[in-house]
Amino acid sequence: MKPNTRIINYVSLVQDGIMTVDMVPQDIRNEVTKWVRYFAGIKDETAVKDPEAEVKTPVVDNTKKVLDDDTRTAH
């Protein structure tokens, strides 16, 4: 379905940064969001990443601990 003029006007305002999608009237917010995503080239629903969902690589300590270091004593 093609968007009507009202939806395209709001899409243009969102793309230009004049307003955010949250400012769009509730009755057309879903359609405006759909077309903003379409014109931005977003094809899936995973455009917004949750930083908490990213897999964190565990830190491995590869340093060796010296238990009896005799180099500190003077001979």
C-alpha atoms as a PDB file:
ATOM      1  CA  MET A   1       0.000   0.000   0.000  1.00  0.00           C
ATOM      2  CA  LYS A   2       1.269   3.457  -0.864  1.00  0.00           C
ATOM      3  CA  PRO A   3       1.529   6.060   1.895  1.00  0.00           C
ATOM      4  CA  ASN A   4      -0.750   9.074   1.763  1.00  0.00           C
ATOM      5  CA  THR A   5       0.419  12.690   1.792  1.00  0.00           C
ATOM      6  CA  ARG A   6       0.005  13.087   5.553  1.00  0.00           C
ATOM      7  CA  ILE A   7       2.260  10.088   6.251  1.00  0.00           C
ATOM      8  CA  ILE A   8       4.885  11.258   3.744  1.00  0.00           C
ATOM      9  CA  ASN A   9       4.892  14.722   5.344  1.00  0.00           C
ATOM     10  CA  TYR A  10       5.625  13.240   8.761  1.00  0.00           C
ATOM     11  CA  VAL A  11       8.245  10.890   7.282  1.00  0.00           C
ATOM     12  CA  SER A  12      10.013  13.918   5.801  1.00  0.00           C
ATOM     13  CA  LEU A  13       9.915  15.757   9.128  1.00  0.00           C
ATOM     14  CA  VAL A  14      11.390  12.745  10.929  1.00  0.00           C
ATOM     15  CA  GLN A  15      14.102  12.258   8.301  1.00  0.00           C
ATOM     16  CA  ASP A  16      15.063  15.934   8.478  1.00  0.00           C
ATOM     17  CA  GLY A  17      15.379  15.715  12.268  1.00  0.00           C
ATOM     18  CA  ILE A  18      12.677  18.303  12.883  1.00  0.00           C
ATOM     19  CA  MET A  19      10.703  15.823  14.961  1.00  0.00           C
ATOM     20  CA  THR A  20      11.020  12.295  16.279  1.00  0.00           C
ATOM     21  CA  VAL A  21       8.715   9.344  15.681  1.00  0.00           C
ATOM     22  CA  ASP A  22       7.463   9.774  19.251  1.00  0.00           C
ATOM     23  CA  MET A  23       6.060  13.176  18.277  1.00  0.00           C
ATOM     24  CA  VAL A  24       4.000  11.762  15.391  1.00  0.00           C
ATOM     25  CA  PRO A  25       0.256  11.448  16.110  1.00  0.00           C
ATOM     26  CA  GLN A  26      -0.652   8.048  17.513  1.00  0.00           C
ATOM     27  CA  ASP A  27      -3.084   7.156  14.704  1.00  0.00           C
ATOM     28  CA  ILE A  28      -0.343   7.133  12.026  1.00  0.00           C
ATOM     29  CA  ARG A  29       2.776   6.390  14.108  1.00  0.00           C
ATOM     30  CA  ASN A  30       3.073   2.767  12.957  1.00  0.00           C
ATOM     31  CA  GLU A  31       2.777   3.704   9.281  1.00  0.00           C
ATOM     32  CA  VAL A  32       5.293   6.547   9.631  1.00  0.00           C
ATOM     33  CA  THR A  33       7.712   4.215  11.408  1.00  0.00           C
ATOM     34  CA  LYS A  34       7.276   1.629   8.649  1.00  0.00           C
ATOM     35  CA  TRP A  35       8.031   4.141   5.893  1.00  0.00           C
ATOM     36  CA  VAL A  36      10.940   5.776   7.725  1.00  0.00           C
ATOM     37  CA  ARG A  37      12.501   2.316   8.073  1.00  0.00           C
ATOM     38  CA  TYR A  38      11.752   1.535   4.424  1.00  0.00           C
ATOM     39  CA  PHE A  39      13.396   4.701   3.120  1.00  0.00           C
ATOM     40  CA  ALA A  40      16.370   4.153   5.438  1.00  0.00           C
ATOM     41  CA  GLY A  41      16.907   0.717   3.900  1.00  0.00           C
ATOM     42  CA  ILE A  42      16.140  -1.240   7.054  1.00  0.00           C
ATOM     43  CA  LYS A  43      14.745  -4.626   6.085  1.00  0.00           C
ATOM     44  CA  ASP A  44      14.452  -6.422   9.427  1.00  0.00           C
ATOM     45  CA  GLU A  45      13.239  -5.648  12.927  1.00  0.00           C
ATOM     46  CA  THR A  46      16.702  -5.801  14.520  1.00  0.00           C
ATOM     47  CA  ALA A  47      17.828  -2.278  13.688  1.00  0.00           C
ATOM     48  CA  VAL A  48      17.959  -1.199  17.309  1.00  0.00           C
ATOM     49  CA  LYS A  49      20.538  -3.154  19.258  1.00  0.00           C
ATOM     50  CA  ASP A  50      20.317  -3.698  22.963  1.00  0.00           C
ATOM     51  CA  PRO A  51      23.783  -3.137  24.470  1.00  0.00           C
ATOM     52  CA  GLU A  52      22.927  -5.558  27.290  1.00  0.00           C
ATOM     53  CA  ALA A  53      22.213  -8.318  24.770  1.00  0.00           C
ATOM     54  CA  GLU A  54      25.699  -8.289  23.269  1.00  0.00           C
ATOM     55  CA  VAL A  55      27.885 -11.242  24.159  1.00  0.00           C
ATOM     56  CA  LYS A  56      30.832 -10.160  26.217  1.00  0.00           C
ATOM     57  CA  THR A  57      34.148 -11.938  25.777  1.00  0.00           C
ATOM     58  CA  PRO A  58      35.548 -13.167  29.086  1.00  0.00           C
ATOM     59  CA  VAL A  59      38.928 -11.762  30.072  1.00  0.00           C
ATOM     60  CA  VAL A  60      41.566 -14.470  30.465  1.00  0.00           C
ATOM     61  CA  ASP A  61      44.543 -13.742  32.720  1.00  0.00           C
ATOM     62  CA  ASN A  62      47.574 -15.254  30.988  1.00  0.00           C
ATOM     63  CA  THR A  63      50.151 -13.827  33.371  1.00  0.00           C
ATOM     64  CA  LYS A  64      52.240 -16.184  35.467  1.00  0.00           C
ATOM     65  CA  LYS A  65      52.487 -15.594  39.165  1.00  0.00           C
ATOM     66  CA  VAL A  66      55.898 -15.853  40.765  1.00  0.00           C
ATOM     67  CA  LEU A  67      55.737 -17.400  44.208  1.00  0.00           C
ATOM     68  CA  ASP A  68      59.390 -17.520  45.263  1.00  0.00           C
ATOM     69  CA  ASP A  69      61.143 -14.684  43.535  1.00  0.00           C
ATOM     70  CA  ASP A  70      64.707 -14.697  44.950  1.00  0.00           C
ATOM     71  CA  THR A  71      65.881 -11.878  42.701  1.00  0.00           C
ATOM     72  CA  ARG A  72      64.707  -9.353  45.288  1.00  0.00           C
ATOM     73  CA  THR A  73      67.222 -10.425  47.913  1.00  0.00           C
ATOM     74  CA  ALA A  74      70.737  -9.020  47.877  1.00  0.00           C
ATOM     75  CA  HIS A  75      73.635 -11.499  47.924  1.00  0.00           C
END
